[in-house]
């Protein structure tokens, strides 16, 4: 028997999928550079999120691992990102643990 909590899920409608919305957020959104990743964001009542990892960040298993980590960090800490449309962008290899990445992201302030 598996236990799933509805408020713990990352709903499909929260994922940024329209190319025009993604491009607009890259072009017009605000940017925060953390120690390890770049986050594009815009304050909006319609919360959405996207996860992007550049090829130079590593081979495909490594890139997929980074995306899984980012999705999990977002999913577990949704309340930290309320009222924001976000893109998490990894542009270089991460030689850190999941917990270090989570601490780095959660320490950021969105103005």
N, C-alpha and C. Protein backbone atom coordinates (compact mmCIF):
# COMPACT_ATOMS: atom_id res chain seq x y z
N UNK A 1 0.84 -1.19 0.00
CA UNK A 1 0.00 0.00 0.00
C UNK A 1 0.89 1.25 0.00
N UNK A 2 0.68 2.11 -0.96
CA UNK A 2 1.46 3.34 -1.02
C UNK A 2 0.63 4.51 -0.53
N UNK A 3 1.30 5.39 0.12
CA UNK A 3 0.65 6.57 0.66
C UNK A 3 1.10 7.78 -0.15
N UNK A 4 0.16 8.48 -0.78
CA UNK A 4 0.50 9.70 -1.51
C UNK A 4 -0.31 10.85 -0.94
N UNK A 5 0.35 11.93 -0.73
CA UNK A 5 -0.32 13.13 -0.24
C UNK A 5 -0.47 14.09 -1.40
N UNK A 6 -1.68 14.56 -1.63
CA UNK A 6 -1.93 15.44 -2.77
C UNK A 6 -1.12 16.73 -2.71
N UNK A 7 -0.91 17.25 -1.51
CA UNK A 7 -0.16 18.50 -1.42
C UNK A 7 1.34 18.30 -1.61
N UNK A 8 1.81 17.07 -1.66
CA UNK A 8 3.23 16.77 -1.87
C UNK A 8 3.57 16.57 -3.34
N UNK A 9 2.57 16.44 -4.20
CA UNK A 9 2.82 16.14 -5.61
C UNK A 9 3.24 17.39 -6.37
N UNK A 10 4.01 17.18 -7.41
CA UNK A 10 4.34 18.26 -8.34
C UNK A 10 3.40 18.11 -9.53
N UNK A 11 2.37 18.93 -9.55
CA UNK A 11 1.32 18.82 -10.56
C UNK A 11 1.85 19.18 -11.95
N UNK A 12 1.30 18.53 -12.96
CA UNK A 12 1.72 18.77 -14.35
C UNK A 12 1.46 20.22 -14.78
N UNK A 13 0.38 20.81 -14.29
CA UNK A 13 0.07 22.18 -14.71
C UNK A 13 1.02 23.22 -14.08
N UNK A 14 1.85 22.80 -13.13
CA UNK A 14 2.85 23.71 -12.56
C UNK A 14 4.12 23.78 -13.40
N UNK A 15 4.30 22.84 -14.32
CA UNK A 15 5.50 22.79 -15.14
C UNK A 15 5.36 23.74 -16.32
N UNK A 16 6.35 24.60 -16.50
CA UNK A 16 6.37 25.50 -17.66
C UNK A 16 6.56 24.67 -18.92
N UNK A 17 5.65 24.79 -19.87
CA UNK A 17 5.77 23.99 -21.08
C UNK A 17 5.68 24.83 -22.36
N UNK A 18 5.07 25.98 -22.29
CA UNK A 18 4.95 26.81 -23.49
C UNK A 18 6.26 27.51 -23.79
N UNK A 19 6.70 27.35 -25.02
CA UNK A 19 7.97 27.95 -25.45
C UNK A 19 7.93 29.47 -25.27
N UNK A 20 6.79 30.09 -25.55
CA UNK A 20 6.70 31.55 -25.44
C UNK A 20 6.85 32.01 -23.99
N UNK A 21 6.27 31.28 -23.05
CA UNK A 21 6.40 31.64 -21.63
C UNK A 21 7.83 31.47 -21.15
N UNK A 22 8.46 30.40 -21.60
CA UNK A 22 9.84 30.14 -21.21
C UNK A 22 10.75 31.23 -21.75
N UNK A 23 10.59 31.58 -23.03
CA UNK A 23 11.41 32.61 -23.66
C UNK A 23 11.19 33.96 -22.97
N UNK A 24 9.94 34.28 -22.65
CA UNK A 24 9.64 35.55 -21.98
C UNK A 24 10.31 35.62 -20.61
N UNK A 25 10.29 34.52 -19.87
CA UNK A 25 10.91 34.51 -18.55
C UNK A 25 12.43 34.64 -18.66
N UNK A 26 13.02 34.00 -19.67
CA UNK A 26 14.47 34.16 -19.88
C UNK A 26 14.80 35.60 -20.26
N UNK A 27 13.97 36.22 -21.10
CA UNK A 27 14.26 37.56 -21.60
C UNK A 27 13.92 38.67 -20.61
N UNK A 28 12.75 38.58 -19.97
CA UNK A 28 12.26 39.68 -19.14
C UNK A 28 12.28 39.41 -17.64
N UNK A 29 12.53 38.17 -17.26
CA UNK A 29 12.50 37.83 -15.84
C UNK A 29 13.72 38.35 -15.10
N UNK A 30 13.60 38.42 -13.78
CA UNK A 30 14.73 38.79 -12.95
C UNK A 30 15.62 37.57 -12.78
N UNK A 31 16.87 37.82 -12.41
CA UNK A 31 17.84 36.74 -12.30
C UNK A 31 18.51 36.76 -10.94
N UNK A 32 18.69 35.57 -10.40
CA UNK A 32 19.49 35.41 -9.18
C UNK A 32 20.53 34.35 -9.49
N UNK A 33 21.78 34.69 -9.23
CA UNK A 33 22.84 33.70 -9.42
C UNK A 33 23.27 33.23 -8.05
N UNK A 34 23.09 31.94 -7.82
CA UNK A 34 23.56 31.38 -6.57
C UNK A 34 24.97 30.84 -6.80
N UNK A 35 25.49 30.18 -5.82
CA UNK A 35 26.84 29.63 -5.93
C UNK A 35 26.91 28.56 -7.01
N UNK A 36 25.80 27.84 -7.23
CA UNK A 36 25.83 26.69 -8.13
C UNK A 36 24.91 26.79 -9.34
N UNK A 37 23.80 27.52 -9.24
CA UNK A 37 22.86 27.58 -10.36
C UNK A 37 22.37 29.01 -10.58
N UNK A 38 21.65 29.17 -11.67
CA UNK A 38 21.05 30.44 -12.03
C UNK A 38 19.54 30.26 -11.97
N UNK A 39 18.84 31.22 -11.37
CA UNK A 39 17.39 31.14 -11.27
C UNK A 39 16.79 32.38 -11.92
N UNK A 40 15.92 32.17 -12.90
CA UNK A 40 15.14 33.24 -13.51
C UNK A 40 13.78 33.20 -12.86
N UNK A 41 13.24 34.38 -12.51
CA UNK A 41 11.95 34.40 -11.84
C UNK A 41 11.17 35.66 -12.16
N UNK A 42 9.88 35.57 -11.93
CA UNK A 42 8.98 36.70 -12.07
C UNK A 42 7.86 36.52 -11.07
N UNK A 43 7.48 37.60 -10.41
CA UNK A 43 6.38 37.50 -9.45
C UNK A 43 5.07 37.49 -10.21
N UNK A 44 4.27 36.47 -9.94
CA UNK A 44 2.99 36.30 -10.62
C UNK A 44 2.09 35.41 -9.78
N UNK A 45 0.78 35.61 -9.86
CA UNK A 45 -0.11 34.72 -9.09
C UNK A 45 -0.15 33.30 -9.65
N UNK A 46 0.16 33.14 -10.93
CA UNK A 46 0.14 31.81 -11.56
C UNK A 46 1.52 31.17 -11.38
N UNK A 47 1.66 30.35 -10.36
CA UNK A 47 2.94 29.71 -10.07
C UNK A 47 3.25 28.63 -11.10
N UNK A 48 4.45 28.70 -11.65
CA UNK A 48 4.93 27.68 -12.58
C UNK A 48 6.43 27.55 -12.42
N UNK A 49 6.97 26.43 -12.89
CA UNK A 49 8.39 26.18 -12.72
C UNK A 49 8.94 25.40 -13.91
N UNK A 50 10.19 25.66 -14.25
CA UNK A 50 10.89 24.92 -15.30
C UNK A 50 12.27 24.54 -14.81
N UNK A 51 12.79 23.44 -15.35
CA UNK A 51 14.10 22.93 -14.94
C UNK A 51 14.94 22.71 -16.20
N UNK A 52 16.08 23.37 -16.29
CA UNK A 52 16.94 23.26 -17.46
C UNK A 52 18.37 22.98 -17.03
N UNK A 53 19.01 22.05 -17.72
CA UNK A 53 20.39 21.70 -17.43
C UNK A 53 21.15 21.67 -18.76
N UNK A 54 22.20 22.46 -18.87
CA UNK A 54 22.99 22.51 -20.11
C UNK A 54 23.79 21.23 -20.30
N UNK A 55 24.08 20.92 -21.55
CA UNK A 55 24.83 19.71 -21.87
C UNK A 55 26.23 19.72 -21.26
N UNK A 56 26.82 20.89 -21.13
CA UNK A 56 28.17 20.92 -20.58
C UNK A 56 28.20 20.65 -19.07
N UNK A 57 27.03 20.42 -18.48
CA UNK A 57 26.95 20.09 -17.06
C UNK A 57 27.29 18.63 -16.79
N UNK A 58 27.35 17.82 -17.83
CA UNK A 58 27.70 16.42 -17.64
C UNK A 58 26.97 15.54 -18.63
N UNK A 59 27.19 14.23 -18.50
CA UNK A 59 26.51 13.29 -19.38
C UNK A 59 25.03 13.19 -18.99
N UNK A 60 24.25 12.48 -19.78
CA UNK A 60 22.80 12.49 -19.57
C UNK A 60 22.38 11.93 -18.20
N UNK A 61 23.00 10.87 -17.67
CA UNK A 61 22.59 10.45 -16.32
C UNK A 61 22.83 11.53 -15.27
N UNK A 62 23.92 12.27 -15.41
CA UNK A 62 24.23 13.34 -14.46
C UNK A 62 23.23 14.49 -14.60
N UNK A 63 22.91 14.86 -15.85
CA UNK A 63 21.94 15.94 -16.08
C UNK A 63 20.57 15.56 -15.54
N UNK A 64 20.16 14.32 -15.75
CA UNK A 64 18.87 13.87 -15.23
C UNK A 64 18.86 13.86 -13.71
N UNK A 65 19.98 13.51 -13.10
CA UNK A 65 20.08 13.55 -11.64
C UNK A 65 19.89 14.97 -11.14
N UNK A 66 20.53 15.94 -11.79
CA UNK A 66 20.38 17.34 -11.39
C UNK A 66 18.92 17.78 -11.49
N UNK A 67 18.24 17.39 -12.58
CA UNK A 67 16.83 17.76 -12.74
C UNK A 67 15.96 17.11 -11.66
N UNK A 68 16.24 15.87 -11.33
CA UNK A 68 15.49 15.20 -10.25
C UNK A 68 15.70 15.92 -8.93
N UNK A 69 16.93 16.30 -8.65
CA UNK A 69 17.22 17.04 -7.43
C UNK A 69 16.45 18.35 -7.38
N UNK A 70 16.46 19.10 -8.49
CA UNK A 70 15.77 20.39 -8.52
C UNK A 70 14.27 20.23 -8.35
N UNK A 71 13.70 19.23 -9.03
CA UNK A 71 12.26 18.98 -8.88
C UNK A 71 11.92 18.64 -7.43
N UNK A 72 12.75 17.84 -6.79
CA UNK A 72 12.50 17.44 -5.41
C UNK A 72 12.64 18.63 -4.46
N UNK A 73 13.64 19.46 -4.68
CA UNK A 73 13.81 20.65 -3.84
C UNK A 73 12.58 21.55 -3.98
N UNK A 74 12.13 21.75 -5.20
CA UNK A 74 10.94 22.58 -5.42
C UNK A 74 9.70 21.95 -4.79
N UNK A 75 9.51 20.66 -5.01
CA UNK A 75 8.33 19.96 -4.52
C UNK A 75 8.25 20.00 -2.99
N UNK A 76 9.36 19.79 -2.34
CA UNK A 76 9.36 19.75 -0.87
C UNK A 76 9.27 21.13 -0.24
N UNK A 77 9.58 22.17 -1.00
CA UNK A 77 9.61 23.52 -0.44
C UNK A 77 8.74 24.49 -1.23
N UNK A 78 7.59 24.02 -1.70
CA UNK A 78 6.70 24.87 -2.51
C UNK A 78 6.35 26.17 -1.80
N UNK A 79 6.19 26.11 -0.49
CA UNK A 79 5.79 27.30 0.25
C UNK A 79 6.86 28.40 0.19
N UNK A 80 8.10 28.03 -0.05
CA UNK A 80 9.19 29.01 -0.17
C UNK A 80 9.11 29.78 -1.49
N UNK A 81 8.42 29.21 -2.48
CA UNK A 81 8.37 29.78 -3.82
C UNK A 81 6.97 30.26 -4.21
N UNK A 82 6.13 30.62 -3.25
CA UNK A 82 4.77 31.04 -3.58
C UNK A 82 4.78 32.38 -4.33
N UNK A 83 3.89 32.49 -5.30
CA UNK A 83 3.76 33.72 -6.07
C UNK A 83 4.88 33.97 -7.06
N UNK A 84 5.57 32.90 -7.47
CA UNK A 84 6.70 33.06 -8.40
C UNK A 84 6.58 32.11 -9.58
N UNK A 85 6.99 32.61 -10.72
CA UNK A 85 7.21 31.77 -11.90
C UNK A 85 8.72 31.62 -12.00
N UNK A 86 9.22 30.39 -12.01
CA UNK A 86 10.65 30.13 -11.87
C UNK A 86 11.23 29.28 -12.98
N UNK A 87 12.49 29.50 -13.28
CA UNK A 87 13.28 28.58 -14.09
C UNK A 87 14.58 28.33 -13.34
N UNK A 88 14.83 27.08 -13.02
CA UNK A 88 16.10 26.67 -12.42
C UNK A 88 17.01 26.26 -13.57
N UNK A 89 18.19 26.87 -13.65
CA UNK A 89 19.07 26.67 -14.80
C UNK A 89 20.46 26.28 -14.32
N UNK A 90 20.85 25.05 -14.62
CA UNK A 90 22.19 24.57 -14.26
C UNK A 90 23.07 24.73 -15.49
N UNK A 91 24.17 25.47 -15.36
CA UNK A 91 25.01 25.76 -16.52
C UNK A 91 26.42 25.22 -16.38
N UNK A 92 26.72 24.54 -15.28
CA UNK A 92 28.05 23.95 -15.10
C UNK A 92 27.92 22.70 -14.25
N UNK A 93 28.92 21.83 -14.27
CA UNK A 93 28.85 20.61 -13.46
C UNK A 93 28.75 20.93 -11.97
N UNK A 94 27.91 20.19 -11.28
CA UNK A 94 27.76 20.36 -9.84
C UNK A 94 28.52 19.24 -9.13
N UNK A 95 29.49 19.60 -8.35
CA UNK A 95 30.25 18.61 -7.60
C UNK A 95 29.89 18.73 -6.12
N UNK A 96 28.59 18.69 -5.86
CA UNK A 96 28.08 18.86 -4.49
C UNK A 96 27.00 17.82 -4.24
N UNK A 97 26.54 17.76 -3.01
CA UNK A 97 25.47 16.83 -2.66
C UNK A 97 24.11 17.51 -2.82
N UNK A 98 23.08 16.70 -2.77
CA UNK A 98 21.71 17.20 -2.84
C UNK A 98 21.45 18.22 -1.74
N UNK A 99 21.90 17.92 -0.53
CA UNK A 99 21.62 18.80 0.61
C UNK A 99 22.34 20.15 0.49
N UNK A 100 23.54 20.14 -0.06
CA UNK A 100 24.24 21.41 -0.29
C UNK A 100 23.50 22.26 -1.32
N UNK A 101 23.00 21.62 -2.37
CA UNK A 101 22.25 22.34 -3.40
C UNK A 101 20.95 22.89 -2.81
N UNK A 102 20.26 22.09 -2.02
CA UNK A 102 19.01 22.54 -1.40
C UNK A 102 19.26 23.73 -0.48
N UNK A 103 20.29 23.66 0.35
CA UNK A 103 20.61 24.77 1.25
C UNK A 103 20.94 26.03 0.46
N UNK A 104 21.67 25.87 -0.64
CA UNK A 104 22.04 27.01 -1.48
C UNK A 104 20.80 27.68 -2.08
N UNK A 105 19.89 26.89 -2.60
CA UNK A 105 18.68 27.44 -3.23
C UNK A 105 17.77 28.08 -2.19
N UNK A 106 17.58 27.44 -1.06
CA UNK A 106 16.67 27.95 -0.05
C UNK A 106 17.21 29.18 0.68
N UNK A 107 18.51 29.45 0.55
CA UNK A 107 19.08 30.63 1.18
C UNK A 107 18.84 31.90 0.35
N UNK A 108 18.37 31.74 -0.89
CA UNK A 108 18.16 32.89 -1.77
C UNK A 108 16.90 33.65 -1.40
N UNK A 109 16.93 34.96 -1.63
CA UNK A 109 15.75 35.79 -1.40
C UNK A 109 15.30 36.37 -2.74
N UNK A 110 14.02 36.25 -3.02
CA UNK A 110 13.45 36.76 -4.26
C UNK A 110 12.82 38.12 -3.98
N UNK A 111 13.40 39.18 -4.56
CA UNK A 111 12.93 40.54 -4.29
C UNK A 111 11.89 40.98 -5.29
